[in-house]
Amino acid sequence: MAQNVLLTGGSGFIGKHLANILIGAGYSVSVLSRSDKENTSEITYYKWDLDKNYMDENAVLNADFIIHLAGEGIVEKRWTEKRKKAILESRIKPIDLIFSVLEKNNKKLNAFISASGVGIYGAVTSHKICTEETPAADDFLGTTCRVWENAADKIEALGIRTVKIRTAIVLGKDEGFLKKVNPNFKSGFGAVLGSGKQYLPWIHIEDLSQIYCKAVSDDQMHGPYNAAVTDNTTNLRFSKILAALYGYAIWLPKIPPFILRIVLGEMSEAVLTGQRVSSEKIQKTGFEFQFTDLEKALIASIN
């Protein structure tokens, strides 16, 4: 019988792609859903409601692995205090619910794998290369990721192998980071944000999905791993390459930081800053990136 992988956030961009990869690799897949969905021949759906602290316990009890992807989008809306609370709780509550079911039923998983973000290193721009040993920053992104990962540590304390995938911006067709920026670039109005010198760690959805698959199958993996290509891409370089793929050179002036701060508020720091991130640890597991060239990754994502 195929081993079962339960996904939270299984209906999102990453979750949908990952589900297909897992099924292709011979796993059965279950998804926690807020709405009633009919099971398919490939996916079993279970109901949950975070607002009511409800989860169908069978989802957890029938799982061999759990991958936690759920969470409100970081750059979907302005960071009001209410929004910040929603971003944090949407990541922590699922882990708390899963933990309570595991503990109550003395259920042992083969592994618990949680998403996290390279934002843990903070909304700053520097030439420093961040590794998994780099301390978490004290700003909103750093604190959110640190608390998110600390919640996963509770499951590790149950004797369950726990992995944390610190994800960079994700490139892929029709969704992710490109869904936000591509319309402007495609119509000829692409622009550089701020100085353009801020680093922009990235990963293609195919590579990210394969990292999650490896975290499932490789019982030597535990703790945090950066899921980002180490190529020192800046916002300026990214913008120039994407514009060139649409056949033009960027002609608009750089968007000044003060404009972005007016429009986006505190959230502007997420696009005006960025650090370099090392992928050495994940590569030492034997993982090989399929996409290490930004231009090729973008071509695969927009065509």
C-alpha atoms as a PDB file:
ATOM      1  CA  MET A   1       0.000   0.000   0.000  1.00  0.00           C
ATOM      2  CA  ALA A   2       1.304   3.441  -0.945  1.00  0.00           C
ATOM      3  CA  GLN A   3       2.507   5.694   1.858  1.00  0.00           C
ATOM      4  CA  ASN A   4       0.243   8.666   2.441  1.00  0.00           C
ATOM      5  CA  VAL A   5       1.344  12.301   2.408  1.00  0.00           C
ATOM      6  CA  LEU A   6      -1.060  14.815   3.957  1.00  0.00           C
ATOM      7  CA  LEU A   7      -0.813  18.387   2.676  1.00  0.00           C
ATOM      8  CA  THR A   8      -2.004  21.557   4.348  1.00  0.00           C
ATOM      9  CA  GLY A   9      -2.293  24.327   1.780  1.00  0.00           C
ATOM     10  CA  GLY A  10      -2.712  21.650  -0.849  1.00  0.00           C
ATOM     11  CA  SER A  11      -4.911  23.812  -3.083  1.00  0.00           C
ATOM     12  CA  GLY A  12      -2.315  26.571  -3.433  1.00  0.00           C
ATOM     13  CA  PHE A  13       0.306  27.097  -6.135  1.00  0.00           C
ATOM     14  CA  ILE A  14       2.981  24.982  -4.459  1.00  0.00           C
ATOM     15  CA  GLY A  15       0.551  22.431  -3.052  1.00  0.00           C
ATOM     16  CA  LYS A  16      -1.109  21.617  -6.377  1.00  0.00           C
ATOM     17  CA  HIS A  17       2.213  21.156  -8.138  1.00  0.00           C
ATOM     18  CA  LEU A  18       3.678  19.138  -5.283  1.00  0.00           C
ATOM     19  CA  ALA A  19       0.628  16.849  -5.115  1.00  0.00           C
ATOM     20  CA  ASN A  20       1.140  15.866  -8.753  1.00  0.00           C
ATOM     21  CA  ILE A  21       4.848  15.215  -8.171  1.00  0.00           C
ATOM     22  CA  LEU A  22       4.135  13.056  -5.112  1.00  0.00           C
ATOM     23  CA  ILE A  23       1.480  11.045  -6.943  1.00  0.00           C
ATOM     24  CA  GLY A  24       3.923  10.498  -9.799  1.00  0.00           C
ATOM     25  CA  ALA A  25       6.477   9.267  -7.267  1.00  0.00           C
ATOM     26  CA  GLY A  26       4.067   6.597  -6.017  1.00  0.00           C
ATOM     27  CA  TYR A  27       2.658   8.230  -2.867  1.00  0.00           C
ATOM     28  CA  SER A  28      -1.018   8.601  -2.033  1.00  0.00           C
ATOM     29  CA  VAL A  29      -1.983  12.198  -1.280  1.00  0.00           C
ATOM     30  CA  SER A  30      -4.485  13.704   1.129  1.00  0.00           C
ATOM     31  CA  VAL A  31      -5.386  17.390   1.397  1.00  0.00           C
ATOM     32  CA  LEU A  32      -6.939  19.396   4.200  1.00  0.00           C
ATOM     33  CA  SER A  33      -9.588  21.673   2.745  1.00  0.00           C
ATOM     34  CA  ARG A  34     -11.828  24.409   4.156  1.00  0.00           C
ATOM     35  CA  SER A  35     -14.591  23.504   1.691  1.00  0.00           C
ATOM     36  CA  ASP A  36     -16.322  20.208   0.997  1.00  0.00           C
ATOM     37  CA  LYS A  37     -14.616  18.524  -1.941  1.00  0.00           C
ATOM     38  CA  GLU A  38     -15.288  15.224  -3.638  1.00  0.00           C
ATOM     39  CA  ASN A  39     -12.470  12.718  -3.394  1.00  0.00           C
ATOM     40  CA  THR A  40     -10.805  11.821  -6.663  1.00  0.00           C
ATOM     41  CA  SER A  41      -9.002   8.664  -7.699  1.00  0.00           C
ATOM     42  CA  GLU A  42      -5.747  10.378  -6.712  1.00  0.00           C
ATOM     43  CA  ILE A  43      -6.531  12.718  -3.801  1.00  0.00           C
ATOM     44  CA  THR A  44      -8.512  12.258  -0.583  1.00  0.00           C
ATOM     45  CA  TYR A  45      -9.899  15.446   0.971  1.00  0.00           C
ATOM     46  CA  TYR A  46     -10.477  16.066   4.673  1.00  0.00           C
ATOM     47  CA  LYS A  47     -12.289  19.014   6.224  1.00  0.00           C
ATOM     48  CA  TRP A  48     -10.714  21.538   8.566  1.00  0.00           C
ATOM     49  CA  ASP A  49     -11.673  24.973   9.874  1.00  0.00           C
ATOM     50  CA  LEU A  50      -8.955  26.997  11.555  1.00  0.00           C
ATOM     51  CA  ASP A  51     -11.416  29.614  12.817  1.00  0.00           C
ATOM     52  CA  LYS A  52     -13.182  26.883  14.795  1.00  0.00           C
ATOM     53  CA  ASN A  53      -9.979  25.005  15.665  1.00  0.00           C
ATOM     54  CA  TYR A  54     -11.435  21.980  13.882  1.00  0.00           C
ATOM     55  CA  MET A  55      -9.652  19.284  11.929  1.00  0.00           C
ATOM     56  CA  ASP A  56     -10.858  15.862  10.842  1.00  0.00           C
ATOM     57  CA  GLU A  57      -8.482  13.750  12.930  1.00  0.00           C
ATOM     58  CA  ASN A  58      -8.564  10.946  10.370  1.00  0.00           C
ATOM     59  CA  ALA A  59      -6.472  13.122   8.080  1.00  0.00           C
ATOM     60  CA  VAL A  60      -3.592  12.966  10.555  1.00  0.00           C
ATOM     61  CA  LEU A  61      -4.198   9.421  11.751  1.00  0.00           C
ATOM     62  CA  ASN A  62      -4.076   8.063   8.193  1.00  0.00           C
ATOM     63  CA  ALA A  63      -0.940   9.988   7.247  1.00  0.00           C
ATOM     64  CA  ASP A  64       2.610   8.683   7.074  1.00  0.00           C
ATOM     65  CA  PHE A  65       4.012  12.134   6.303  1.00  0.00           C
ATOM     66  CA  ILE A  66       2.629  15.640   6.712  1.00  0.00           C
ATOM     67  CA  ILE A  67       3.743  18.628   4.643  1.00  0.00           C
ATOM     68  CA  HIS A  68       2.596  21.972   6.047  1.00  0.00           C
ATOM     69  CA  LEU A  69       2.261  24.629   3.335  1.00  0.00           C
ATOM     70  CA  ALA A  70      -0.764  26.584   4.574  1.00  0.00           C
ATOM     71  CA  GLY A  71      -0.507  30.281   5.326  1.00  0.00           C
ATOM     72  CA  GLU A  72      -1.890  33.665   4.299  1.00  0.00           C
ATOM     73  CA  GLY A  73       0.092  35.338   1.503  1.00  0.00           C
ATOM     74  CA  ILE A  74       2.877  37.579   2.787  1.00  0.00           C
ATOM     75  CA  VAL A  75       2.483  40.273   0.124  1.00  0.00           C
ATOM     76  CA  GLU A  76      -1.220  39.956  -0.661  1.00  0.00           C
ATOM     77  CA  LYS A  77      -2.340  42.954   1.426  1.00  0.00           C
ATOM     78  CA  ARG A  78      -0.888  45.828   3.477  1.00  0.00           C
ATOM     79  CA  TRP A  79       0.588  44.789   6.791  1.00  0.00           C
ATOM     80  CA  THR A  80      -1.937  46.187   9.216  1.00  0.00           C
ATOM     81  CA  GLU A  81      -1.757  44.774  12.727  1.00  0.00           C
ATOM     82  CA  LYS A  82      -4.807  42.656  11.888  1.00  0.00           C
ATOM     83  CA  ARG A  83      -3.115  41.365   8.738  1.00  0.00           C
ATOM     84  CA  LYS A  84       0.115  40.567  10.578  1.00  0.00           C
ATOM     85  CA  LYS A  85      -1.846  38.550  13.111  1.00  0.00           C
ATOM     86  CA  ALA A  86      -3.607  36.635  10.311  1.00  0.00           C
ATOM     87  CA  ILE A  87      -0.286  35.882   8.571  1.00  0.00           C
ATOM     88  CA  LEU A  88       1.188  34.488  11.765  1.00  0.00           C
ATOM     89  CA  GLU A  89      -1.846  32.557  13.012  1.00  0.00           C
ATOM     90  CA  SER A  90      -2.488  30.953   9.624  1.00  0.00           C
ATOM     91  CA  ARG A  91       0.930  29.325   9.907  1.00  0.00           C
ATOM     92  CA  ILE A  92       0.891  28.421  13.600  1.00  0.00           C
ATOM     93  CA  LYS A  93      -2.684  27.189  14.124  1.00  0.00           C
ATOM     94  CA  PRO A  94      -2.381  24.254  11.702  1.00  0.00           C
ATOM     95  CA  ILE A  95       0.737  23.026  13.501  1.00  0.00           C
ATOM     96  CA  ASP A  96      -0.978  23.340  16.869  1.00  0.00           C
ATOM     97  CA  LEU A  97      -3.973  21.331  15.629  1.00  0.00           C
ATOM     98  CA  ILE A  98      -1.745  18.654  14.117  1.00  0.00           C
ATOM     99  CA  PHE A  99       0.329  18.497  17.296  1.00  0.00           C
ATOM    100  CA  SER A 100      -2.765  18.009  19.467  1.00  0.00           C
ATOM    101  CA  VAL A 101      -3.975  15.088  17.317  1.00  0.00           C
ATOM    102  CA  LEU A 102      -0.557  13.451  17.274  1.00  0.00           C
ATOM    103  CA  GLU A 103      -0.095  13.810  21.021  1.00  0.00           C
ATOM    104  CA  LYS A 104      -3.598  12.664  21.956  1.00  0.00           C
ATOM    105  CA  ASN A 105      -3.409   9.554  19.798  1.00  0.00           C
ATOM    106  CA  ASN A 106       0.288   8.819  20.325  1.00  0.00           C
ATOM    107  CA  LYS A 107       0.555   8.869  16.534  1.00  0.00           C
ATOM    108  CA  LYS A 108       4.029   8.628  15.003  1.00  0.00           C
ATOM    109  CA  LEU A 109       4.719  10.098  11.593  1.00  0.00           C
ATOM    110  CA  ASN A 110       7.678   9.208   9.425  1.00  0.00           C
ATOM    111  CA  ALA A 111       8.297  12.936   9.062  1.00  0.00           C
ATOM    112  CA  PHE A 112       6.734  16.361   9.474  1.00  0.00           C
ATOM    113  CA  ILE A 113       7.886  18.866   6.858  1.00  0.00           C
ATOM    114  CA  SER A 114       7.020  22.532   7.229  1.00  0.00           C
ATOM    115  CA  ALA A 115       7.404  25.429   4.870  1.00  0.00           C
ATOM    116  CA  SER A 116       9.297  28.456   6.119  1.00  0.00           C
ATOM    117  CA  GLY A 117      10.891  31.397   4.336  1.00  0.00           C
ATOM    118  CA  VAL A 118      14.241  32.986   3.618  1.00  0.00           C
ATOM    119  CA  GLY A 119      12.594  36.038   5.155  1.00  0.00           C
ATOM    120  CA  ILE A 120      13.817  34.593   8.455  1.00  0.00           C
ATOM    121  CA  TYR A 121      17.116  36.364   7.759  1.00  0.00           C
ATOM    122  CA  GLY A 122      15.389  39.729   7.808  1.00  0.00           C
ATOM    123  CA  ALA A 123      14.328  42.579   5.562  1.00  0.00           C
ATOM    124  CA  VAL A 124      17.799  44.025   5.007  1.00  0.00           C
ATOM    125  CA  THR A 125      20.181  44.223   2.087  1.00  0.00           C
ATOM    126  CA  SER A 126      23.758  43.110   2.593  1.00  0.00           C
ATOM    127  CA  HIS A 127      26.455  41.144   0.790  1.00  0.00           C
ATOM    128  CA  LYS A 128      26.493  38.551   3.550  1.00  0.00           C
ATOM    129  CA  ILE A 129      25.551  35.047   2.433  1.00  0.00           C
ATOM    130  CA  CYS A 130      22.944  33.640   4.809  1.00  0.00           C
ATOM    131  CA  THR A 131      23.213  29.984   5.808  1.00  0.00           C
ATOM    132  CA  GLU A 132      20.896  27.924   7.960  1.00  0.00           C
ATOM    133  CA  GLU A 133      23.072  28.922  10.933  1.00  0.00           C
ATOM    134  CA  THR A 134      22.382  32.641  10.426  1.00  0.00           C
ATOM    135  CA  PRO A 135      20.244  33.907  13.351  1.00  0.00           C
ATOM    136  CA  ALA A 136      16.652  34.946  12.739  1.00  0.00           C
ATOM    137  CA  ALA A 137      16.068  38.679  12.406  1.00  0.00           C
ATOM    138  CA  ASP A 138      13.899  40.654  14.811  1.00  0.00           C
ATOM    139  CA  ASP A 139      11.702  42.322  12.155  1.00  0.00           C
ATOM    140  CA  PHE A 140       8.258  41.088  11.129  1.00  0.00           C
ATOM    141  CA  LEU A 141       9.394  38.574   8.526  1.00  0.00           C
ATOM    142  CA  GLY A 142      12.192  37.240  10.700  1.00  0.00           C
ATOM    143  CA  THR A 143       9.940  36.922  13.725  1.00  0.00           C
ATOM    144  CA  THR A 144       7.148  35.263  11.734  1.00  0.00           C
ATOM    145  CA  CYS A 145       9.477  32.615  10.314  1.00  0.00           C
ATOM    146  CA  ARG A 146      11.155  32.028  13.690  1.00  0.00           C
ATOM    147  CA  VAL A 147       7.823  31.489  15.483  1.00  0.00           C
ATOM    148  CA  TRP A 148       6.650  29.317  12.582  1.00  0.00           C
ATOM    149  CA  GLU A 149       9.715  27.090  12.895  1.00  0.00           C
ATOM    150  CA  ASN A 150       9.511  27.018  16.686  1.00  0.00           C
ATOM    151  CA  ALA A 151       5.959  25.667  16.384  1.00  0.00           C
ATOM    152  CA  ALA A 152       7.305  22.822  14.248  1.00  0.00           C
ATOM    153  CA  ASP A 153       9.826  22.045  16.990  1.00  0.00           C
ATOM    154  CA  LYS A 154       6.923  20.903  19.186  1.00  0.00           C
ATOM    155  CA  ILE A 155       6.284  18.089  16.735  1.00  0.00           C
ATOM    156  CA  GLU A 156       9.963  17.219  16.663  1.00  0.00           C
ATOM    157  CA  ALA A 157       9.781  16.932  20.456  1.00  0.00           C
ATOM    158  CA  LEU A 158       7.345  14.031  19.949  1.00  0.00           C
ATOM    159  CA  GLY A 159      10.199  12.078  18.375  1.00  0.00           C
ATOM    160  CA  ILE A 160       9.168  12.841  14.787  1.00  0.00           C
ATOM    161  CA  ARG A 161      11.743  13.788  12.165  1.00  0.00           C
ATOM    162  CA  THR A 162      11.067  17.422  11.323  1.00  0.00           C
ATOM    163  CA  VAL A 163      12.292  19.393   8.308  1.00  0.00           C
ATOM    164  CA  LYS A 164      11.870  23.114   7.584  1.00  0.00           C
ATOM    165  CA  ILE A 165      12.083  24.365   4.000  1.00  0.00           C
ATOM    166  CA  ARG A 166      13.094  28.037   3.940  1.00  0.00           C
ATOM    167  CA  THR A 167      11.673  29.079   0.610  1.00  0.00           C
ATOM    168  CA  ALA A 168      12.734  31.947  -1.658  1.00  0.00           C
ATOM    169  CA  ILE A 169      10.401  33.546  -4.219  1.00  0.00           C
ATOM    170  CA  VAL A 170       8.929  30.777  -6.356  1.00  0.00           C
ATOM    171  CA  LEU A 171       8.891  30.955 -10.146  1.00  0.00           C
ATOM    172  CA  GLY A 172       6.340  29.014 -12.131  1.00  0.00           C
ATOM    173  CA  LYS A 173       3.632  29.363 -14.752  1.00  0.00           C
ATOM    174  CA  ASP A 174       0.647  31.578 -13.980  1.00  0.00           C
ATOM    175  CA  GLU A 175       1.187  31.670 -10.226  1.00  0.00           C
ATOM    176  CA  GLY A 176       3.617  32.669  -7.488  1.00  0.00           C
ATOM    177  CA  PHE A 177       5.825  35.750  -7.751  1.00  0.00           C
ATOM    178  CA  LEU A 178       5.398  36.096 -11.504  1.00  0.00           C
ATOM    179  CA  LYS A 179       1.626  36.346 -11.196  1.00  0.00           C
ATOM    180  CA  LYS A 180       2.164  39.714  -9.520  1.00  0.00           C
ATOM    181  CA  VAL A 181       4.936  41.202 -11.654  1.00  0.00           C
ATOM    182  CA  ASN A 182       4.447  39.561 -15.052  1.00  0.00           C
ATOM    183  CA  PRO A 183       1.432  41.605 -16.253  1.00  0.00           C
ATOM    184  CA  ASN A 184       3.405  44.861 -16.064  1.00  0.00           C
ATOM    185  CA  PHE A 185       6.476  43.387 -17.737  1.00  0.00           C
ATOM    186  CA  LYS A 186       4.442  41.655 -20.423  1.00  0.00           C
ATOM    187  CA  SER A 187       2.710  44.926 -21.323  1.00  0.00           C
ATOM    188  CA  GLY A 188       6.020  46.797 -21.562  1.00  0.00           C
ATOM    189  CA  PHE A 189       5.850  48.602 -18.237  1.00  0.00           C
ATOM    190  CA  GLY A 190       8.349  46.642 -16.181  1.00  0.00           C
ATOM    191  CA  ALA A 191      10.374  48.678 -13.701  1.00  0.00           C
ATOM    192  CA  VAL A 192      13.124  48.291 -11.140  1.00  0.00           C
ATOM    193  CA  LEU A 193      12.077  48.602  -7.502  1.00  0.00           C
ATOM    194  CA  GLY A 194      14.082  51.018  -5.356  1.00  0.00           C
ATOM    195  CA  SER A 195      17.813  50.890  -5.968  1.00  0.00           C
ATOM    196  CA  GLY A 196      17.565  47.491  -7.654  1.00  0.00           C
ATOM    197  CA  LYS A 197      20.608  46.396  -5.668  1.00  0.00           C
ATOM    198  CA  GLN A 198      18.585  44.260  -3.253  1.00  0.00           C
ATOM    199  CA  TYR A 199      19.178  40.544  -3.720  1.00  0.00           C
ATOM    200  CA  LEU A 200      16.292  38.426  -4.935  1.00  0.00           C
ATOM    201  CA  PRO A 201      16.696  34.765  -3.939  1.00  0.00           C
ATOM    202  CA  TRP A 202      14.551  32.531  -6.169  1.00  0.00           C
ATOM    203  CA  ILE A 203      13.692  28.921  -6.937  1.00  0.00           C
ATOM    204  CA  HIS A 204      11.672  27.264  -9.684  1.00  0.00           C
ATOM    205  CA  ILE A 205       8.512  25.415  -8.613  1.00  0.00           C
ATOM    206  CA  GLU A 206       9.858  22.168 -10.080  1.00  0.00           C
ATOM    207  CA  ASP A 207      12.983  22.290  -7.906  1.00  0.00           C
ATOM    208  CA  LEU A 208      11.026  23.298  -4.818  1.00  0.00           C
ATOM    209  CA  SER A 209       8.639  20.365  -5.284  1.00  0.00           C
ATOM    210  CA  GLN A 210      11.563  17.982  -5.680  1.00  0.00           C
ATOM    211  CA  ILE A 211      13.135  19.325  -2.461  1.00  0.00           C
ATOM    212  CA  TYR A 212       9.920  18.496  -0.606  1.00  0.00           C
ATOM    213  CA  CYS A 213       9.908  15.019  -2.176  1.00  0.00           C
ATOM    214  CA  LYS A 214      13.478  14.485  -1.060  1.00  0.00           C
ATOM    215  CA  ALA A 215      12.573  15.631   2.460  1.00  0.00           C
ATOM    216  CA  VAL A 216       9.911  12.912   2.474  1.00  0.00           C
ATOM    217  CA  SER A 217      12.119  10.111   1.180  1.00  0.00           C
ATOM    218  CA  ASP A 218      15.492  11.000   2.747  1.00  0.00           C
ATOM    219  CA  ASP A 219      15.382  10.079   6.432  1.00  0.00           C
ATOM    220  CA  GLN A 220      18.725  11.805   6.969  1.00  0.00           C
ATOM    221  CA  MET A 221      17.199  15.221   6.345  1.00  0.00           C
ATOM    222  CA  HIS A 222      16.179  17.165   9.425  1.00  0.00           C
ATOM    223  CA  GLY A 223      16.122  20.797  10.516  1.00  0.00           C
ATOM    224  CA  PRO A 224      16.163  23.844   8.220  1.00  0.00           C
ATOM    225  CA  TYR A 225      17.205  23.945   4.564  1.00  0.00           C
ATOM    226  CA  ASN A 226      17.377  26.968   2.281  1.00  0.00           C
ATOM    227  CA  ALA A 227      15.385  26.394  -0.899  1.00  0.00           C
ATOM    228  CA  ALA A 228      16.979  29.011  -3.140  1.00  0.00           C
ATOM    229  CA  VAL A 229      19.414  29.165  -6.029  1.00  0.00           C
ATOM    230  CA  THR A 230      22.713  30.764  -5.014  1.00  0.00           C
ATOM    231  CA  ASP A 231      23.310  33.035  -8.010  1.00  0.00           C
ATOM    232  CA  ASN A 232      23.354  36.538  -6.487  1.00  0.00           C
ATOM    233  CA  THR A 233      20.370  37.758  -8.523  1.00  0.00           C
ATOM    234  CA  THR A 234      19.363  41.330  -7.729  1.00  0.00           C
ATOM    235  CA  ASN A 235      16.064  43.051  -8.455  1.00  0.00           C
ATOM    236  CA  LEU A 236      17.830  44.973 -11.232  1.00  0.00           C
ATOM    237  CA  ARG A 237      19.154  41.821 -12.907  1.00  0.00           C
ATOM    238  CA  PHE A 238      15.827  40.032 -12.569  1.00  0.00           C
ATOM    239  CA  SER A 239      13.948  42.993 -14.060  1.00  0.00           C
ATOM    240  CA  LYS A 240      16.327  43.380 -17.004  1.00  0.00           C
ATOM    241  CA  ILE A 241      16.176  39.688 -17.910  1.00  0.00           C
ATOM    242  CA  LEU A 242      12.382  39.498 -17.674  1.00  0.00           C
ATOM    243  CA  ALA A 243      11.949  42.647 -19.783  1.00  0.00           C
ATOM    244  CA  ALA A 244      14.416  41.328 -22.387  1.00  0.00           C
ATOM    245  CA  LEU A 245      12.401  38.110 -22.694  1.00  0.00           C
ATOM    246  CA  TYR A 246       9.471  40.288 -23.743  1.00  0.00           C
ATOM    247  CA  GLY A 247      11.650  42.073 -26.273  1.00  0.00           C
ATOM    248  CA  TYR A 248      12.450  45.415 -24.710  1.00  0.00           C
ATOM    249  CA  ALA A 249      14.885  47.203 -22.437  1.00  0.00           C
ATOM    250  CA  ILE A 250      13.477  48.772 -19.287  1.00  0.00           C
ATOM    251  CA  TRP A 251      12.667  52.383 -20.056  1.00  0.00           C
ATOM    252  CA  LEU A 252      10.726  53.437 -16.989  1.00  0.00           C
ATOM    253  CA  PRO A 253      12.716  55.072 -14.155  1.00  0.00           C
ATOM    254  CA  LYS A 254      13.341  53.118 -10.989  1.00  0.00           C
ATOM    255  CA  ILE A 255      10.391  53.294  -8.616  1.00  0.00           C
ATOM    256  CA  PRO A 256      11.631  55.373  -5.646  1.00  0.00           C
ATOM    257  CA  PRO A 257      11.530  53.733  -2.219  1.00  0.00           C
ATOM    258  CA  PHE A 258       9.337  56.497  -0.779  1.00  0.00           C
ATOM    259  CA  ILE A 259       6.633  55.778  -3.381  1.00  0.00           C
ATOM    260  CA  LEU A 260       6.633  52.089  -2.502  1.00  0.00           C
ATOM    261  CA  ARG A 261       6.470  52.934   1.196  1.00  0.00           C
ATOM    262  CA  ILE A 262       3.444  55.163   0.583  1.00  0.00           C
ATOM    263  CA  VAL A 263       1.694  52.481  -1.475  1.00  0.00           C
ATOM    264  CA  LEU A 264       2.705  49.387   0.486  1.00  0.00           C
ATOM    265  CA  GLY A 265       3.479  50.680   3.964  1.00  0.00           C
ATOM    266  CA  GLU A 266       5.700  48.430   6.082  1.00  0.00           C
ATOM    267  CA  MET A 267       5.307  45.656   3.518  1.00  0.00           C
ATOM    268  CA  SER A 268       7.535  47.676   1.166  1.00  0.00           C
ATOM    269  CA  GLU A 269      10.559  46.367   3.076  1.00  0.00           C
ATOM    270  CA  ALA A 270       9.845  42.929   1.641  1.00  0.00           C
ATOM    271  CA  VAL A 271      10.483  44.207  -1.901  1.00  0.00           C
ATOM    272  CA  LEU A 272      13.051  46.914  -1.199  1.00  0.00           C
ATOM    273  CA  THR A 273      15.473  44.631   0.639  1.00  0.00           C
ATOM    274  CA  GLY A 274      16.990  41.202   0.153  1.00  0.00           C
ATOM    275  CA  GLN A 275      19.985  39.108   1.096  1.00  0.00           C
ATOM    276  CA  ARG A 276      22.033  36.404  -0.556  1.00  0.00           C
ATOM    277  CA  VAL A 277      21.156  32.868   0.526  1.00  0.00           C
ATOM    278  CA  SER A 278      23.330  29.741   0.456  1.00  0.00           C
ATOM    279  CA  SER A 279      22.014  26.472  -0.993  1.00  0.00           C
ATOM    280  CA  GLU A 280      25.065  24.491   0.109  1.00  0.00           C
ATOM    281  CA  LYS A 281      23.270  22.467   2.793  1.00  0.00           C
ATOM    282  CA  ILE A 282      20.535  21.109   0.527  1.00  0.00           C
ATOM    283  CA  GLN A 283      23.096  20.349  -2.190  1.00  0.00           C
ATOM    284  CA  LYS A 284      25.168  18.350   0.289  1.00  0.00           C
ATOM    285  CA  THR A 285      22.230  15.948   0.594  1.00  0.00           C
ATOM    286  CA  GLY A 286      22.791  15.057  -3.052  1.00  0.00           C
ATOM    287  CA  PHE A 287      20.007  17.287  -4.356  1.00  0.00           C
ATOM    288  CA  GLU A 288      20.663  18.792  -7.781  1.00  0.00           C
ATOM    289  CA  PHE A 289      18.813  21.855  -9.033  1.00  0.00           C
ATOM    290  CA  GLN A 290      17.219  21.523 -12.444  1.00  0.00           C
ATOM    291  CA  PHE A 291      17.030  25.306 -12.835  1.00  0.00           C
ATOM    292  CA  THR A 292      20.113  27.308 -11.852  1.00  0.00           C
ATOM    293  CA  ASP A 293      20.030  29.815 -14.714  1.00  0.00           C
ATOM    294  CA  LEU A 294      17.538  32.623 -14.121  1.00  0.00           C
ATOM    295  CA  GLU A 295      16.834  33.256 -17.788  1.00  0.00           C
ATOM    296  CA  LYS A 296      16.023  29.591 -18.437  1.00  0.00           C
ATOM    297  CA  ALA A 297      13.837  29.461 -15.330  1.00  0.00           C
ATOM    298  CA  LEU A 298      11.909  32.511 -16.479  1.00  0.00           C
ATOM    299  CA  ILE A 299      11.512  31.138 -20.000  1.00  0.00           C
ATOM    300  CA  ALA A 300      10.066  27.944 -18.520  1.00  0.00           C
ATOM    301  CA  SER A 301       7.735  30.034 -16.350  1.00  0.00           C
ATOM    302  CA  ILE A 302       6.285  32.459 -18.911  1.00  0.00           C
ATOM    303  CA  ASN A 303       5.982  30.262 -22.000  1.00  0.00           C
END
